[in-house]
Structures are given as structure tokens and as C-alpha cells.
Amino acid sequence: MQRGGEGVSEGVQLRSDRAGRILGTVAVVLAALALALSVATQGPAGPTGPTGPAGPKGATGDNGTNGTNGPAGPTGLTGLQGPPGPGSLVSFKTLDMAAPIGTTCTNYPGAEITITVPSAGTIVVLAEARTIINHSIGNGDLLSVFIESSASDCTYPWGWARSVPANWPTDPVIEETATPLRVFNVSAAGSYTYYLNGQTVSGSGVGNRFLSAISVAVFYPA
């Protein structure tokens, strides 16, 4: 009887141990499953954290290639004209018109020349005038042509002169080209006008005349 009770106790003990092992195994499986589920299932993303401090400046990169030139822009407006430079200034005048040359100082009307200068300096005036002398044998003729700052002056000896001896044969159209030259000093900027004048110094003067003229004025600064 006593041995039979021991067998029952041993059987119960064996079942109890087996059940414990099974439960332990189940517990391990459940724990592993719970861990797997916790890893597989993520919660919602948390808020973005604050921006971190800027990192150190990196090294400068290589220069890029130059781009192509753009199209030329439109031409700008013309600027204002500047003042005259230090070089010489030139003015000229031409006239093609007959006018008499009397026995008193006579202006050739329309042949005057004007030049505007920027400062003090020297003005050189040169003229080339075609003239006619009406000569009669037995009468000596003397014709003079001048460049003056007045239309009524004939200043000797600052003029061109041409004489015809009295014993020359009569010739009513002796053509001579007069080339008077004058130099004028000016003390300030401004406009200056010069005149072409003539005079029959000797002879009748009848028929003596201007035919045409060209005058040139050149300014040289002081």
C-alpha cells in the first residue's frame, strides 16, 4: 500500500513539472511576441526639434566658367557740346559781287568776316580779292586794298597796292588779285569783325572795282 502511494505522488510530481515547463515555454513565446509587436508597431512621429547651430564655413569652391557677353545696349543721347579747345579757330567768308573802288576809302560791302574767340590772343586775317583797274595811257594808276577793323579805314602802309605806269597802253580791264594780310591782337573773348576796303590812290578811279573775294580769319590763343 505504501508503495502504491509513492507511485501516485511521483506521477503527480511528473505532471506538475511538465506543466511548469509548458507554461514557461508559453510565457517565453508570449514575451517574444509582445516584443515583436512593440517593435513592429511605431507610435506617431514626435515634433521637430529646434534647429541646431550652423556648422563651420566650408572651403571656397572653384570659379565657374564665364558666361557669354550680352547684347550691346542702345546708344545713349548726345551730350552737350564742350567749350572750344586750346587750338586755333578758323572762320572764312566768300563773296562774288562787283562793287566800285572810289578815290576815297571804300568798303567792299558783304565781304566782312566775323570770328568768335574764347579768350585773348591773336587773329590773323588774309583776303584774296579780284579787282579791275581801268587804265588810260598818260595817267598813272595806284590801287590799294586793306583789311581793317572798321569799314571806313584804309591804313597805310598796311595794305596791298598795285600801280600801273602812265605810259602803259590804255586797258580798261586790267585784272589784279589783291592779297592783303593783317594781324590783330585781342585782349578778351568775344566776336570780332574785319572789313575789306579799297581806294584808288591815283588815277581817275572810274571803272575801278572789286569782282569777288574770299577772306579767312584764324585765331591763336595767347
Protein backbone atom coordinates (compact mmCIF):
# COMPACT_ATOMS: atom_id res chain seq x y z
CA MET A 1 0.00 0.00 0.00
CA GLN A 2 2.72 2.37 0.85
CA ARG A 3 4.48 1.75 -2.46
CA GLY A 4 1.29 2.46 -4.34
CA GLY A 5 1.02 5.88 -2.62
CA GLU A 6 4.58 6.70 -3.63
CA GLY A 7 3.78 5.92 -7.26
CA VAL A 8 0.85 8.25 -7.22
CA SER A 9 2.96 11.01 -5.71
CA GLU A 10 5.65 10.55 -8.33
CA GLY A 11 3.05 10.70 -11.11
CA VAL A 12 1.60 13.90 -9.80
CA GLN A 13 5.06 15.37 -9.50
CA LEU A 14 5.90 14.49 -13.08
CA ARG A 15 2.75 16.10 -14.41
CA SER A 16 3.37 19.18 -12.33
CA ASP A 17 6.93 19.55 -13.69
CA ARG A 18 5.73 19.06 -17.26
CA ALA A 19 3.03 21.67 -16.86
CA GLY A 20 5.58 24.10 -15.42
CA ARG A 21 7.85 23.62 -18.39
CA ILE A 22 4.97 24.10 -20.81
CA LEU A 23 3.86 27.27 -19.03
CA GLY A 24 7.42 28.60 -19.03
CA THR A 25 7.69 27.93 -22.73
CA VAL A 26 4.36 29.67 -23.38
CA ALA A 27 5.47 32.63 -21.28
CA VAL A 28 8.70 32.97 -23.32
CA VAL A 29 6.74 32.80 -26.59
CA LEU A 30 4.28 35.41 -25.40
CA ALA A 31 7.10 37.70 -24.28
CA ALA A 32 8.83 37.33 -27.63
CA LEU A 33 5.56 38.01 -29.43
CA ALA A 34 4.92 41.10 -27.32
CA LEU A 35 8.45 42.37 -28.06
CA ALA A 36 7.96 41.78 -31.79
CA LEU A 37 4.64 43.62 -31.73
CA SER A 38 6.15 46.53 -29.86
CA VAL A 39 8.95 46.80 -32.45
CA ALA A 40 6.66 46.39 -35.47
CA THR A 41 4.09 48.93 -34.34
CA GLN A 42 5.57 52.55 -34.18
CA GLY A 43 3.81 55.41 -32.49
CA PRO A 44 3.24 58.82 -34.19
CA ALA A 45 6.29 60.98 -35.00
CA GLY A 46 7.21 63.48 -32.32
CA PRO A 47 7.54 67.26 -33.00
CA THR A 48 10.61 68.57 -34.93
CA GLY A 49 13.36 69.60 -32.60
CA PRO A 50 14.95 73.08 -32.71
CA THR A 51 17.47 73.91 -35.50
CA GLY A 52 20.97 73.20 -34.45
CA PRO A 53 23.79 75.77 -34.69
CA ALA A 54 25.35 76.46 -38.12
CA GLY A 55 28.30 74.39 -38.94
CA PRO A 56 31.72 75.87 -39.82
CA LYS A 57 32.12 77.60 -43.24
CA GLY A 58 33.27 75.26 -45.91
CA ALA A 59 36.16 75.90 -48.30
CA THR A 60 35.57 78.19 -51.31
CA GLY A 61 34.75 76.26 -54.43
CA ASP A 62 36.38 76.69 -57.82
CA ASN A 63 35.36 79.67 -60.02
CA GLY A 64 32.72 78.85 -62.56
CA THR A 65 33.15 79.49 -66.27
CA ASN A 66 32.37 83.00 -67.60
CA GLY A 67 29.01 83.42 -69.25
CA THR A 68 28.61 84.75 -72.78
CA ASN A 69 28.54 88.54 -73.34
CA GLY A 70 25.10 90.06 -73.51
CA PRO A 71 23.91 92.11 -76.50
CA ALA A 72 25.09 95.74 -76.83
CA GLY A 73 22.78 98.28 -75.25
CA PRO A 74 21.20 101.17 -77.18
CA THR A 75 23.26 104.26 -77.98
CA GLY A 76 22.89 106.98 -75.36
CA LEU A 77 21.82 110.54 -76.01
CA THR A 78 24.34 113.01 -77.42
CA GLY A 79 25.87 115.13 -74.68
CA LEU A 80 26.22 118.89 -74.68
CA GLN A 81 28.97 120.42 -76.80
CA GLY A 82 32.02 121.24 -74.74
CA PRO A 83 33.89 124.53 -74.77
CA PRO A 84 36.42 125.23 -77.54
CA GLY A 85 39.78 123.62 -77.02
CA PRO A 86 43.12 125.42 -76.85
CA GLY A 87 43.82 125.03 -80.60
CA SER A 88 43.29 127.61 -83.30
CA LEU A 89 39.84 128.62 -84.61
CA VAL A 90 39.12 129.43 -88.25
CA SER A 91 36.39 131.46 -89.96
CA PHE A 92 36.04 132.21 -93.67
CA LYS A 93 33.81 134.25 -95.97
CA THR A 94 33.32 134.33 -99.75
CA LEU A 95 31.63 136.96 -101.91
CA ASP A 96 31.04 137.12 -105.66
CA MET A 97 29.75 140.61 -106.42
CA ALA A 98 31.06 143.64 -108.30
CA ALA A 99 31.44 146.88 -106.32
CA PRO A 100 33.24 150.14 -107.22
CA ILE A 101 36.51 151.30 -105.66
CA GLY A 102 36.47 155.10 -105.36
CA THR A 103 39.16 157.69 -104.81
CA THR A 104 38.33 157.76 -101.10
CA CYS A 105 38.40 154.76 -98.75
CA THR A 106 35.63 152.45 -99.99
CA ASN A 107 34.22 149.40 -98.23
CA TYR A 108 33.51 146.23 -100.19
CA PRO A 109 30.02 145.54 -98.78
CA GLY A 110 29.30 141.96 -97.77
CA ALA A 111 32.97 140.92 -97.69
CA GLU A 112 33.41 141.47 -93.95
CA ILE A 113 34.35 138.44 -91.85
CA THR A 114 33.47 137.72 -88.22
CA ILE A 115 35.22 135.33 -85.84
CA THR A 116 34.24 134.48 -82.26
CA VAL A 117 37.13 133.64 -79.94
CA PRO A 118 37.15 132.14 -76.41
CA SER A 119 39.97 134.19 -74.93
CA ALA A 120 42.66 136.77 -75.53
CA GLY A 121 45.06 136.05 -78.37
CA THR A 122 45.98 136.91 -81.95
CA ILE A 123 43.74 136.97 -85.01
CA VAL A 124 45.37 136.72 -88.44
CA VAL A 125 43.18 137.80 -91.39
CA LEU A 126 44.05 137.12 -95.02
CA ALA A 127 42.00 138.04 -98.08
CA GLU A 128 42.24 137.31 -101.80
CA ALA A 129 40.25 139.80 -103.87
CA ARG A 130 39.90 140.05 -107.63
CA THR A 131 39.98 143.68 -108.79
CA ILE A 132 39.77 145.62 -112.05
CA ILE A 133 41.85 148.71 -112.85
CA ASN A 134 40.58 150.94 -115.67
CA HIS A 135 43.78 152.42 -117.12
CA SER A 136 44.13 155.19 -119.69
CA ILE A 137 47.52 155.95 -121.29
CA GLY A 138 49.04 159.09 -119.85
CA ASN A 139 47.54 158.55 -116.41
CA GLY A 140 49.35 156.64 -113.69
CA ASP A 141 47.12 154.44 -111.52
CA LEU A 142 47.61 153.18 -107.97
CA LEU A 143 45.06 150.87 -106.36
CA SER A 144 45.25 149.70 -102.72
CA VAL A 145 43.22 147.11 -100.80
CA PHE A 146 43.13 146.84 -96.98
CA ILE A 147 41.86 144.63 -94.15
CA GLU A 148 40.60 146.80 -91.32
CA SER A 149 38.61 146.61 -88.07
CA SER A 150 36.44 149.46 -89.41
CA ALA A 151 34.53 149.80 -92.69
CA SER A 152 35.85 153.34 -93.19
CA ASP A 153 39.60 152.94 -92.62
CA CYS A 154 42.40 152.50 -95.15
CA THR A 155 45.54 152.42 -93.03
CA TYR A 156 48.83 152.88 -94.88
CA PRO A 157 51.13 151.09 -95.28
CA TRP A 158 49.13 148.04 -94.04
CA GLY A 159 47.59 147.14 -97.36
CA TRP A 160 48.17 145.61 -100.76
CA ALA A 161 48.99 148.00 -103.66
CA ARG A 162 49.23 147.78 -107.44
CA SER A 163 50.44 150.53 -109.72
CA VAL A 164 50.11 150.95 -113.50
CA PRO A 165 52.59 153.32 -115.15
CA ALA A 166 51.21 156.27 -117.12
CA ASN A 167 52.92 155.14 -120.37
CA TRP A 168 51.13 151.79 -120.44
CA PRO A 169 48.66 151.43 -123.28
CA THR A 170 45.05 152.02 -122.46
CA ASP A 171 43.38 148.95 -120.95
CA PRO A 172 40.02 149.30 -119.19
CA VAL A 173 40.10 145.81 -117.62
CA ILE A 174 43.49 145.15 -116.03
CA GLU A 175 42.65 142.35 -113.60
CA GLU A 176 44.75 142.09 -110.44
CA THR A 177 44.40 139.76 -107.47
CA ALA A 178 44.89 141.66 -104.21
CA THR A 179 46.20 139.67 -101.20
CA PRO A 180 46.17 141.90 -98.11
CA LEU A 181 47.17 140.43 -94.72
CA ARG A 182 46.67 141.87 -91.23
CA VAL A 183 47.40 140.72 -87.68
CA PHE A 184 45.19 141.87 -84.79
CA ASN A 185 45.79 141.33 -81.08
CA VAL A 186 42.64 140.89 -78.98
CA SER A 187 42.58 141.22 -75.19
CA ALA A 188 39.43 139.26 -74.37
CA ALA A 189 36.97 136.66 -75.59
CA GLY A 190 34.25 137.87 -77.96
CA SER A 191 33.25 138.35 -81.59
CA TYR A 192 35.43 140.44 -83.90
CA THR A 193 34.60 141.65 -87.41
CA TYR A 194 37.09 142.72 -90.09
CA TYR A 195 36.38 144.58 -93.34
CA LEU A 196 37.79 144.56 -96.84
CA ASN A 197 38.30 148.16 -98.05
CA GLY A 198 39.85 149.65 -101.18
CA GLN A 199 40.99 153.03 -102.53
CA THR A 200 42.10 154.45 -105.86
CA VAL A 201 45.08 156.41 -104.61
CA SER A 202 45.94 157.86 -108.02
CA GLY A 203 44.14 157.84 -111.35
CA SER A 204 40.55 158.69 -112.14
CA GLY A 205 39.09 155.70 -110.31
CA VAL A 206 36.29 155.45 -112.86
CA GLY A 207 35.72 151.77 -113.60
CA ASN A 208 37.99 150.50 -110.81
CA ARG A 209 36.14 147.83 -108.89
CA PHE A 210 36.04 144.66 -106.80
CA LEU A 211 34.84 141.48 -108.55
CA SER A 212 34.96 138.82 -105.82
CA ALA A 213 36.77 137.97 -102.60
CA ILE A 214 37.48 135.23 -100.10
CA SER A 215 38.62 136.06 -96.59
CA VAL A 216 39.99 133.81 -93.85
CA ALA A 217 40.43 134.64 -90.15
CA VAL A 218 42.50 132.40 -87.84
CA PHE A 219 42.65 132.79 -84.06
CA TYR A 220 45.67 131.78 -81.97
CA PRO A 221 45.18 131.84 -78.17
CA ALA A 222 47.62 133.79 -76.06
